[in-house]
Amino acid sequence: MADNQRRLHAVVQGRVQGVGFRYFVQERAHELQLAGLCRNLRSGDVEVIAEGEQGALEALLVALKHGPRMAHVENVHAVWSPAAGEFIGFRIAGTA
């Protein structure tokens, strides 16, 4: 794994369920060649775990702060760490 590979773990709060947010994240992640997953949380938030190059993850974080047109993002809590290399591709996972 390259040294510039990082992990972004983000929880997005606001009106982010039922507005296509997970599909928006998946599309952006594919465009940015990131691996990981996103899923709805029972709290009403969306969790995103993504791995890839730092610059691509930063671009994803910017996208998370805006979301799709129908979403209203109030807060994004982001935690950075080294990539674990556990993902192949990016997928939408079941609710946690």
PDB file of N, CA and C in Angstrom:
ATOM      1  N   MET A   1       0.848  -1.178   0.000  1.00  0.00           N
ATOM      2  CA  MET A   1       0.000   0.000   0.000  1.00  0.00           C
ATOM      3  C   MET A   1       0.894   1.242   0.000  1.00  0.00           C
ATOM      4  N   ALA A   2       0.557   2.205  -0.822  1.00  0.00           N
ATOM      5  CA  ALA A   2       1.356   3.426  -0.934  1.00  0.00           C
ATOM      6  C   ALA A   2       1.263   4.258   0.343  1.00  0.00           C
ATOM      7  N   ASP A   3       2.321   5.020   0.592  1.00  0.00           N
ATOM      8  CA  ASP A   3       2.371   5.844   1.802  1.00  0.00           C
ATOM      9  C   ASP A   3       1.309   6.932   1.833  1.00  0.00           C
ATOM     10  N   ASN A   4       0.824   7.346   0.662  1.00  0.00           N
ATOM     11  CA  ASN A   4      -0.142   8.440   0.633  1.00  0.00           C
ATOM     12  C   ASN A   4      -1.583   7.947   0.777  1.00  0.00           C
ATOM     13  N   GLN A   5      -1.768   6.676   1.079  1.00  0.00           N
ATOM     14  CA  GLN A   5      -3.106   6.124   1.267  1.00  0.00           C
ATOM     15  C   GLN A   5      -3.584   6.425   2.685  1.00  0.00           C
ATOM     16  N   ARG A   6      -4.775   6.998   2.775  1.00  0.00           N
ATOM     17  CA  ARG A   6      -5.344   7.401   4.064  1.00  0.00           C
ATOM     18  C   ARG A   6      -6.766   6.870   4.171  1.00  0.00           C
ATOM     19  N   ARG A   7      -7.320   6.992   5.366  1.00  0.00           N
ATOM     20  CA  ARG A   7      -8.718   6.628   5.614  1.00  0.00           C
ATOM     21  C   ARG A   7      -9.440   7.839   6.168  1.00  0.00           C
ATOM     22  N   LEU A   8     -10.616   8.085   5.631  1.00  0.00           N
ATOM     23  CA  LEU A   8     -11.518   9.118   6.131  1.00  0.00           C
ATOM     24  C   LEU A   8     -12.748   8.418   6.684  1.00  0.00           C
ATOM     25  N   HIS A   9     -13.045   8.654   7.956  1.00  0.00           N
ATOM     26  CA  HIS A   9     -14.268   8.143   8.579  1.00  0.00           C
ATOM     27  C   HIS A   9     -15.098   9.370   8.925  1.00  0.00           C
ATOM     28  N   ALA A  10     -16.232   9.525   8.256  1.00  0.00           N
ATOM     29  CA  ALA A  10     -17.054  10.717   8.445  1.00  0.00           C
ATOM     30  C   ALA A  10     -18.479  10.337   8.808  1.00  0.00           C
ATOM     31  N   VAL A  11     -19.070  11.137   9.680  1.00  0.00           N
ATOM     32  CA  VAL A  11     -20.494  11.023   9.995  1.00  0.00           C
ATOM     33  C   VAL A  11     -21.126  12.347   9.595  1.00  0.00           C
ATOM     34  N   VAL A  12     -22.100  12.249   8.695  1.00  0.00           N
ATOM     35  CA  VAL A  12     -22.751  13.431   8.139  1.00  0.00           C
ATOM     36  C   VAL A  12     -24.118  13.582   8.792  1.00  0.00           C
ATOM     37  N   GLN A  13     -24.366  14.767   9.349  1.00  0.00           N
ATOM     38  CA  GLN A  13     -25.614  15.037  10.061  1.00  0.00           C
ATOM     39  C   GLN A  13     -26.436  16.075   9.307  1.00  0.00           C
ATOM     40  N   GLY A  14     -27.741  15.983   9.469  1.00  0.00           N
ATOM     41  CA  GLY A  14     -28.663  16.914   8.825  1.00  0.00           C
ATOM     42  C   GLY A  14     -29.760  16.133   8.125  1.00  0.00           C
ATOM     43  N   ARG A  15     -30.341  16.722   7.074  1.00  0.00           N
ATOM     44  CA  ARG A  15     -31.338  16.005   6.268  1.00  0.00           C
ATOM     45  C   ARG A  15     -30.556  15.247   5.199  1.00  0.00           C
ATOM     46  N   VAL A  16     -30.107  14.039   5.567  1.00  0.00           N
ATOM     47  CA  VAL A  16     -29.221  13.279   4.691  1.00  0.00           C
ATOM     48  C   VAL A  16     -29.744  11.872   4.382  1.00  0.00           C
ATOM     49  N   GLN A  17     -30.913  11.526   4.893  1.00  0.00           N
ATOM     50  CA  GLN A  17     -31.525  10.248   4.542  1.00  0.00           C
ATOM     51  C   GLN A  17     -32.782  10.516   3.734  1.00  0.00           C
ATOM     52  N   GLY A  18     -33.027   9.657   2.740  1.00  0.00           N
ATOM     53  CA  GLY A  18     -34.200   9.807   1.888  1.00  0.00           C
ATOM     54  C   GLY A  18     -34.048  10.880   0.828  1.00  0.00           C
ATOM     55  N   VAL A  19     -32.820  11.325   0.591  1.00  0.00           N
ATOM     56  CA  VAL A  19     -32.573  12.393  -0.392  1.00  0.00           C
ATOM     57  C   VAL A  19     -31.499  11.986  -1.409  1.00  0.00           C
ATOM     58  N   GLY A  20     -31.153  10.708  -1.463  1.00  0.00           N
ATOM     59  CA  GLY A  20     -30.148  10.225  -2.402  1.00  0.00           C
ATOM     60  C   GLY A  20     -28.714  10.471  -1.977  1.00  0.00           C
ATOM     61  N   PHE A  21     -28.507  10.718  -0.690  1.00  0.00           N
ATOM     62  CA  PHE A  21     -27.165  11.063  -0.219  1.00  0.00           C
ATOM     63  C   PHE A  21     -26.175   9.924  -0.425  1.00  0.00           C
ATOM     64  N   ARG A  22     -26.562   8.699  -0.098  1.00  0.00           N
ATOM     65  CA  ARG A  22     -25.629   7.569  -0.231  1.00  0.00           C
ATOM     66  C   ARG A  22     -25.243   7.339  -1.690  1.00  0.00           C
ATOM     67  N   TYR A  23     -26.192   7.499  -2.602  1.00  0.00           N
ATOM     68  CA  TYR A  23     -25.897   7.324  -4.028  1.00  0.00           C
ATOM     69  C   TYR A  23     -24.980   8.439  -4.525  1.00  0.00           C
ATOM     70  N   PHE A  24     -25.197   9.636  -4.014  1.00  0.00           N
ATOM     71  CA  PHE A  24     -24.325  10.777  -4.310  1.00  0.00           C
ATOM     72  C   PHE A  24     -22.896  10.471  -3.856  1.00  0.00           C
ATOM     73  N   VAL A  25     -22.750   9.950  -2.637  1.00  0.00           N
ATOM     74  CA  VAL A  25     -21.426   9.626  -2.099  1.00  0.00           C
ATOM     75  C   VAL A  25     -20.773   8.528  -2.936  1.00  0.00           C
ATOM     76  N   GLN A  26     -21.538   7.501  -3.269  1.00  0.00           N
ATOM     77  CA  GLN A  26     -20.992   6.400  -4.059  1.00  0.00           C
ATOM     78  C   GLN A  26     -20.496   6.893  -5.420  1.00  0.00           C
ATOM     79  N   GLU A  27     -21.258   7.747  -6.064  1.00  0.00           N
ATOM     80  CA  GLU A  27     -20.859   8.289  -7.363  1.00  0.00           C
ATOM     81  C   GLU A  27     -19.564   9.096  -7.246  1.00  0.00           C
ATOM     82  N   ARG A  28     -19.490   9.965  -6.235  1.00  0.00           N
ATOM     83  CA  ARG A  28     -18.274  10.771  -6.040  1.00  0.00           C
ATOM     84  C   ARG A  28     -17.077   9.880  -5.733  1.00  0.00           C
ATOM     85  N   ALA A  29     -17.290   8.869  -4.882  1.00  0.00           N
ATOM     86  CA  ALA A  29     -16.198   7.958  -4.522  1.00  0.00           C
ATOM     87  C   ALA A  29     -15.672   7.224  -5.753  1.00  0.00           C
ATOM     88  N   HIS A  30     -16.576   6.783  -6.627  1.00  0.00           N
ATOM     89  CA  HIS A  30     -16.136   6.119  -7.855  1.00  0.00           C
ATOM     90  C   HIS A  30     -15.355   7.083  -8.736  1.00  0.00           C
ATOM     91  N   GLU A  31     -15.841   8.310  -8.879  1.00  0.00           N
ATOM     92  CA  GLU A  31     -15.135   9.314  -9.682  1.00  0.00           C
ATOM     93  C   GLU A  31     -13.729   9.564  -9.151  1.00  0.00           C
ATOM     94  N   LEU A  32     -13.583   9.534  -7.828  1.00  0.00           N
ATOM     95  CA  LEU A  32     -12.308   9.830  -7.174  1.00  0.00           C
ATOM     96  C   LEU A  32     -11.451   8.578  -6.947  1.00  0.00           C
ATOM     97  N   GLN A  33     -11.944   7.430  -7.407  1.00  0.00           N
ATOM     98  CA  GLN A  33     -11.235   6.153  -7.293  1.00  0.00           C
ATOM     99  C   GLN A  33     -10.935   5.790  -5.836  1.00  0.00           C
ATOM    100  N   LEU A  34     -11.953   5.940  -5.000  1.00  0.00           N
ATOM    101  CA  LEU A  34     -11.834   5.615  -3.583  1.00  0.00           C
ATOM    102  C   LEU A  34     -12.503   4.274  -3.297  1.00  0.00           C
ATOM    103  N   ALA A  35     -12.060   3.615  -2.262  1.00  0.00           N
ATOM    104  CA  ALA A  35     -12.669   2.372  -1.796  1.00  0.00           C
ATOM    105  C   ALA A  35     -13.327   2.643  -0.450  1.00  0.00           C
ATOM    106  N   GLY A  36     -14.341   1.845  -0.122  1.00  0.00           N
ATOM    107  CA  GLY A  36     -14.981   2.006   1.175  1.00  0.00           C
ATOM    108  C   GLY A  36     -16.465   1.734   1.118  1.00  0.00           C
ATOM    109  N   LEU A  37     -17.192   2.400   2.015  1.00  0.00           N
ATOM    110  CA  LEU A  37     -18.636   2.205   2.084  1.00  0.00           C
ATOM    111  C   LEU A  37     -19.317   3.426   2.683  1.00  0.00           C
ATOM    112  N   CYS A  38     -20.611   3.495   2.454  1.00  0.00           N
ATOM    113  CA  CYS A  38     -21.446   4.476   3.151  1.00  0.00           C
ATOM    114  C   CYS A  38     -22.729   3.765   3.550  1.00  0.00           C
ATOM    115  N   ARG A  39     -23.327   4.231   4.644  1.00  0.00           N
ATOM    116  CA  ARG A  39     -24.558   3.602   5.121  1.00  0.00           C
ATOM    117  C   ARG A  39     -25.338   4.571   5.995  1.00  0.00           C
ATOM    118  N   ASN A  40     -26.645   4.339   6.027  1.00  0.00           N
ATOM    119  CA  ASN A  40     -27.498   5.086   6.936  1.00  0.00           C
ATOM    120  C   ASN A  40     -27.274   4.574   8.355  1.00  0.00           C
ATOM    121  N   LEU A  41     -27.380   5.480   9.302  1.00  0.00           N
ATOM    122  CA  LEU A  41     -27.349   5.116  10.713  1.00  0.00           C
ATOM    123  C   LEU A  41     -28.751   5.300  11.281  1.00  0.00           C
ATOM    124  N   ARG A  42     -29.096   4.526  12.268  1.00  0.00           N
ATOM    125  CA  ARG A  42     -30.432   4.627  12.874  1.00  0.00           C
ATOM    126  C   ARG A  42     -30.692   6.012  13.462  1.00  0.00           C
ATOM    127  N   SER A  43     -29.629   6.748  13.761  1.00  0.00           N
ATOM    128  CA  SER A  43     -29.750   8.099  14.314  1.00  0.00           C
ATOM    129  C   SER A  43     -30.262   9.107  13.290  1.00  0.00           C
ATOM    130  N   GLY A  44     -30.284   8.713  11.997  1.00  0.00           N
ATOM    131  CA  GLY A  44     -30.671   9.641  10.940  1.00  0.00           C
ATOM    132  C   GLY A  44     -29.476  10.224  10.209  1.00  0.00           C
ATOM    133  N   ASP A  45     -28.279   9.900  10.666  1.00  0.00           N
ATOM    134  CA  ASP A  45     -27.049  10.370  10.028  1.00  0.00           C
ATOM    135  C   ASP A  45     -26.614   9.383   8.947  1.00  0.00           C
ATOM    136  N   VAL A  46     -25.583   9.758   8.191  1.00  0.00           N
ATOM    137  CA  VAL A  46     -24.961   8.866   7.215  1.00  0.00           C
ATOM    138  C   VAL A  46     -23.489   8.722   7.583  1.00  0.00           C
ATOM    139  N   GLU A  47     -23.021   7.484   7.622  1.00  0.00           N
ATOM    140  CA  GLU A  47     -21.615   7.191   7.909  1.00  0.00           C
ATOM    141  C   GLU A  47     -20.897   6.895   6.600  1.00  0.00           C
ATOM    142  N   VAL A  48     -19.705   7.452   6.455  1.00  0.00           N
ATOM    143  CA  VAL A  48     -18.878   7.224   5.273  1.00  0.00           C
ATOM    144  C   VAL A  48     -17.493   6.791   5.741  1.00  0.00           C
ATOM    145  N   ILE A  49     -17.025   5.671   5.222  1.00  0.00           N
ATOM    146  CA  ILE A  49     -15.653   5.220   5.452  1.00  0.00           C
ATOM    147  C   ILE A  49     -15.031   5.070   4.074  1.00  0.00           C
ATOM    148  N   ALA A  50     -13.992   5.843   3.814  1.00  0.00           N
ATOM    149  CA  ALA A  50     -13.362   5.819   2.493  1.00  0.00           C
ATOM    150  C   ALA A  50     -11.852   5.767   2.641  1.00  0.00           C
ATOM    151  N   GLU A  51     -11.218   5.049   1.715  1.00  0.00           N
ATOM    152  CA  GLU A  51      -9.765   4.957   1.687  1.00  0.00           C
ATOM    153  C   GLU A  51      -9.260   5.288   0.298  1.00  0.00           C
ATOM    154  N   GLY A  52      -8.100   5.937   0.260  1.00  0.00           N
ATOM    155  CA  GLY A  52      -7.486   6.286  -1.014  1.00  0.00           C
ATOM    156  C   GLY A  52      -6.458   7.376  -0.815  1.00  0.00           C
ATOM    157  N   GLU A  53      -6.133   8.060  -1.900  1.00  0.00           N
ATOM    158  CA  GLU A  53      -5.151   9.132  -1.831  1.00  0.00           C
ATOM    159  C   GLU A  53      -5.704  10.321  -1.054  1.00  0.00           C
ATOM    160  N   GLN A  54      -4.843  10.965  -0.293  1.00  0.00           N
ATOM    161  CA  GLN A  54      -5.234  12.096   0.563  1.00  0.00           C
ATOM    162  C   GLN A  54      -6.022  13.154  -0.212  1.00  0.00           C
ATOM    163  N   GLY A  55      -5.522  13.558  -1.378  1.00  0.00           N
ATOM    164  CA  GLY A  55      -6.190  14.599  -2.157  1.00  0.00           C
ATOM    165  C   GLY A  55      -7.594  14.210  -2.577  1.00  0.00           C
ATOM    166  N   ALA A  56      -7.776  12.952  -2.967  1.00  0.00           N
ATOM    167  CA  ALA A  56      -9.100  12.467  -3.363  1.00  0.00           C
ATOM    168  C   ALA A  56     -10.041  12.439  -2.164  1.00  0.00           C
ATOM    169  N   LEU A  57      -9.528  12.042  -1.013  1.00  0.00           N
ATOM    170  CA  LEU A  57     -10.350  12.030   0.201  1.00  0.00           C
ATOM    171  C   LEU A  57     -10.754  13.443   0.610  1.00  0.00           C
ATOM    172  N   GLU A  58      -9.852  14.393   0.454  1.00  0.00           N
ATOM    173  CA  GLU A  58     -10.183  15.788   0.761  1.00  0.00           C
ATOM    174  C   GLU A  58     -11.273  16.292  -0.174  1.00  0.00           C
ATOM    175  N   ALA A  59     -11.222  15.890  -1.447  1.00  0.00           N
ATOM    176  CA  ALA A  59     -12.268  16.269  -2.398  1.00  0.00           C
ATOM    177  C   ALA A  59     -13.603  15.641  -2.000  1.00  0.00           C
ATOM    178  N   LEU A  60     -13.577  14.389  -1.542  1.00  0.00           N
ATOM    179  CA  LEU A  60     -14.805  13.746  -1.074  1.00  0.00           C
ATOM    180  C   LEU A  60     -15.360  14.480   0.135  1.00  0.00           C
ATOM    181  N   LEU A  61     -14.497  14.884   1.049  1.00  0.00           N
ATOM    182  CA  LEU A  61     -14.945  15.603   2.245  1.00  0.00           C
ATOM    183  C   LEU A  61     -15.651  16.903   1.863  1.00  0.00           C
ATOM    184  N   VAL A  62     -15.131  17.615   0.886  1.00  0.00           N
ATOM    185  CA  VAL A  62     -15.797  18.832   0.403  1.00  0.00           C
ATOM    186  C   VAL A  62     -17.183  18.479  -0.131  1.00  0.00           C
ATOM    187  N   ALA A  63     -17.280  17.396  -0.900  1.00  0.00           N
ATOM    188  CA  ALA A  63     -18.572  16.970  -1.445  1.00  0.00           C
ATOM    189  C   ALA A  63     -19.542  16.592  -0.331  1.00  0.00           C
ATOM    190  N   LEU A  64     -19.042  15.938   0.720  1.00  0.00           N
ATOM    191  CA  LEU A  64     -19.907  15.553   1.839  1.00  0.00           C
ATOM    192  C   LEU A  64     -20.507  16.777   2.520  1.00  0.00           C
ATOM    193  N   LYS A  65     -19.762  17.853   2.572  1.00  0.00           N
ATOM    194  CA  LYS A  65     -20.239  19.069   3.240  1.00  0.00           C
ATOM    195  C   LYS A  65     -21.345  19.760   2.458  1.00  0.00           C
ATOM    196  N   HIS A  66     -21.465  19.439   1.172  1.00  0.00           N
ATOM    197  CA  HIS A  66     -22.513  20.043   0.336  1.00  0.00           C
ATOM    198  C   HIS A  66     -23.657  19.073   0.080  1.00  0.00           C
ATOM    199  N   GLY A  67     -23.331  17.835  -0.245  1.00  0.00           N
ATOM    200  CA  GLY A  67     -24.345  16.827  -0.506  1.00  0.00           C
ATOM    201  C   GLY A  67     -25.094  17.079  -1.791  1.00  0.00           C
ATOM    202  N   PRO A  68     -26.058  16.207  -2.106  1.00  0.00           N
ATOM    203  CA  PRO A  68     -26.893  16.398  -3.291  1.00  0.00           C
ATOM    204  C   PRO A  68     -27.888  17.541  -3.068  1.00  0.00           C
ATOM    205  N   ARG A  69     -28.543  17.918  -4.115  1.00  0.00           N
ATOM    206  CA  ARG A  69     -29.423  19.093  -4.104  1.00  0.00           C
ATOM    207  C   ARG A  69     -30.495  19.052  -3.015  1.00  0.00           C
ATOM    208  N   MET A  70     -31.098  17.902  -2.774  1.00  0.00           N
ATOM    209  CA  MET A  70     -32.209  17.817  -1.818  1.00  0.00           C
ATOM    210  C   MET A  70     -31.752  17.672  -0.364  1.00  0.00           C
ATOM    211  N   ALA A  71     -30.472  17.470  -0.155  1.00  0.00           N
ATOM    212  CA  ALA A  71     -29.948  17.302   1.209  1.00  0.00           C
ATOM    213  C   ALA A  71     -29.702  18.654   1.863  1.00  0.00           C
ATOM    214  N   HIS A  72     -29.666  18.631   3.185  1.00  0.00           N
ATOM    215  CA  HIS A  72     -29.253  19.807   3.959  1.00  0.00           C
ATOM    216  C   HIS A  72     -28.271  19.316   5.016  1.00  0.00           C
ATOM    217  N   VAL A  73     -26.980  19.512   4.734  1.00  0.00           N
ATOM    218  CA  VAL A  73     -25.932  19.050   5.644  1.00  0.00           C
ATOM    219  C   VAL A  73     -25.735  20.085   6.740  1.00  0.00           C
ATOM    220  N   GLU A  74     -25.856  19.645   7.983  1.00  0.00           N
ATOM    221  CA  GLU A  74     -25.654  20.534   9.131  1.00  0.00           C
ATOM    222  C   GLU A  74     -24.250  20.412   9.705  1.00  0.00           C
ATOM    223  N   ASN A  75     -23.687  19.199   9.665  1.00  0.00           N
ATOM    224  CA  ASN A  75     -22.367  18.987  10.258  1.00  0.00           C
ATOM    225  C   ASN A  75     -21.738  17.738   9.656  1.00  0.00           C
ATOM    226  N   VAL A  76     -20.421  17.764   9.513  1.00  0.00           N
ATOM    227  CA  VAL A  76     -19.663  16.577   9.113  1.00  0.00           C
ATOM    228  C   VAL A  76     -18.552  16.392  10.135  1.00  0.00           C
ATOM    229  N   HIS A  77     -18.602  15.276  10.849  1.00  0.00           N
ATOM    230  CA  HIS A  77     -17.547  14.945  11.816  1.00  0.00           C
ATOM    231  C   HIS A  77     -16.584  13.991  11.115  1.00  0.00           C
ATOM    232  N   ALA A  78     -15.347  14.420  10.900  1.00  0.00           N
ATOM    233  CA  ALA A  78     -14.375  13.629  10.146  1.00  0.00           C
ATOM    234  C   ALA A  78     -13.192  13.233  11.017  1.00  0.00           C
ATOM    235  N   VAL A  79     -12.766  11.987  10.863  1.00  0.00           N
ATOM    236  CA  VAL A  79     -11.592  11.465  11.558  1.00  0.00           C
ATOM    237  C   VAL A  79     -10.675  10.843  10.507  1.00  0.00           C
ATOM    238  N   TRP A  80      -9.403  11.224  10.549  1.00  0.00           N
ATOM    239  CA  TRP A  80      -8.405  10.725   9.603  1.00  0.00           C
ATOM    240  C   TRP A  80      -7.530   9.676  10.274  1.00  0.00           C
ATOM    241  N   SER A  81      -7.136   8.655   9.503  1.00  0.00           N
ATOM    242  CA  SER A  81      -6.218   7.631  10.004  1.00  0.00           C
ATOM    243  C   SER A  81      -5.520   6.983   8.810  1.00  0.00           C
ATOM    244  N   PRO A  82      -4.510   6.160   9.070  1.00  0.00           N
ATOM    245  CA  PRO A  82      -3.870   5.431   7.972  1.00  0.00           C
ATOM    246  C   PRO A  82      -4.868   4.447   7.355  1.00  0.00           C
ATOM    247  N   ALA A  83      -4.746   4.208   6.065  1.00  0.00           N
ATOM    248  CA  ALA A  83      -5.622   3.248   5.394  1.00  0.00           C
ATOM    249  C   ALA A  83      -5.346   1.844   5.914  1.00  0.00           C
ATOM    250  N   ALA A  84      -6.399   1.055   6.050  1.00  0.00           N
ATOM    251  CA  ALA A  84      -6.267  -0.327   6.504  1.00  0.00           C
ATOM    252  C   ALA A  84      -6.229  -1.299   5.324  1.00  0.00           C
ATOM    253  N   GLY A  85      -6.655  -0.841   4.152  1.00  0.00           N
ATOM    254  CA  GLY A  85      -6.640  -1.690   2.968  1.00  0.00           C
ATOM    255  C   GLY A  85      -7.680  -2.791   2.978  1.00  0.00           C
ATOM    256  N   GLU A  86      -8.782  -2.595   3.706  1.00  0.00           N
ATOM    257  CA  GLU A  86      -9.783  -3.660   3.840  1.00  0.00           C
ATOM    258  C   GLU A  86     -10.880  -3.607   2.784  1.00  0.00           C
ATOM    259  N   PHE A  87     -10.906  -2.582   1.932  1.00  0.00           N
ATOM    260  CA  PHE A  87     -11.993  -2.422   0.964  1.00  0.00           C
ATOM    261  C   PHE A  87     -11.511  -2.633  -0.468  1.00  0.00           C
ATOM    262  N   ILE A  88     -12.398  -3.221  -1.270  1.00  0.00           N
ATOM    263  CA  ILE A  88     -12.210  -3.287  -2.711  1.00  0.00           C
ATOM    264  C   ILE A  88     -13.446  -2.634  -3.305  1.00  0.00           C
ATOM    265  N   GLY A  89     -13.273  -1.507  -3.971  1.00  0.00           N
ATOM    266  CA  GLY A  89     -14.407  -0.779  -4.508  1.00  0.00           C
ATOM    267  C   GLY A  89     -15.128   0.009  -3.427  1.00  0.00           C
ATOM    268  N   PHE A  90     -16.199   0.671  -3.831  1.00  0.00           N
ATOM    269  CA  PHE A  90     -16.992   1.472  -2.895  1.00  0.00           C
ATOM    270  C   PHE A  90     -18.434   1.016  -3.002  1.00  0.00           C
ATOM    271  N   ARG A  91     -19.060   0.777  -1.858  1.00  0.00           N
ATOM    272  CA  ARG A  91     -20.420   0.238  -1.876  1.00  0.00           C
ATOM    273  C   ARG A  91     -21.313   0.939  -0.859  1.00  0.00           C
ATOM    274  N   ILE A  92     -22.603   0.770  -1.074  1.00  0.00           N
ATOM    275  CA  ILE A  92     -23.599   1.213  -0.109  1.00  0.00           C
ATOM    276  C   ILE A  92     -23.925   0.003   0.758  1.00  0.00           C
ATOM    277  N   ALA A  93     -23.760   0.155   2.055  1.00  0.00           N
ATOM    278  CA  ALA A  93     -23.987  -0.945   2.997  1.00  0.00           C
ATOM    279  C   ALA A  93     -25.343  -0.783   3.675  1.00  0.00           C
ATOM    280  N   GLY A  94     -25.762  -1.820   4.363  1.00  0.00           N
ATOM    281  CA  GLY A  94     -27.016  -1.785   5.097  1.00  0.00           C
ATOM    282  C   GLY A  94     -26.947  -0.850   6.294  1.00  0.00           C
ATOM    283  N   THR A  95     -28.107  -0.495   6.798  1.00  0.00           N
ATOM    284  CA  THR A  95     -28.215   0.408   7.945  1.00  0.00           C
ATOM    285  C   THR A  95     -27.528  -0.193   9.162  1.00  0.00           C
ATOM    286  N   ALA A  96     -26.832   0.673   9.894  1.00  0.00           N
ATOM    287  CA  ALA A  96     -26.137   0.219  11.110  1.00  0.00           C
ATOM    288  C   ALA A  96     -26.765   0.857  12.331  1.00  0.00           C
TER     289      ALA A  96
END
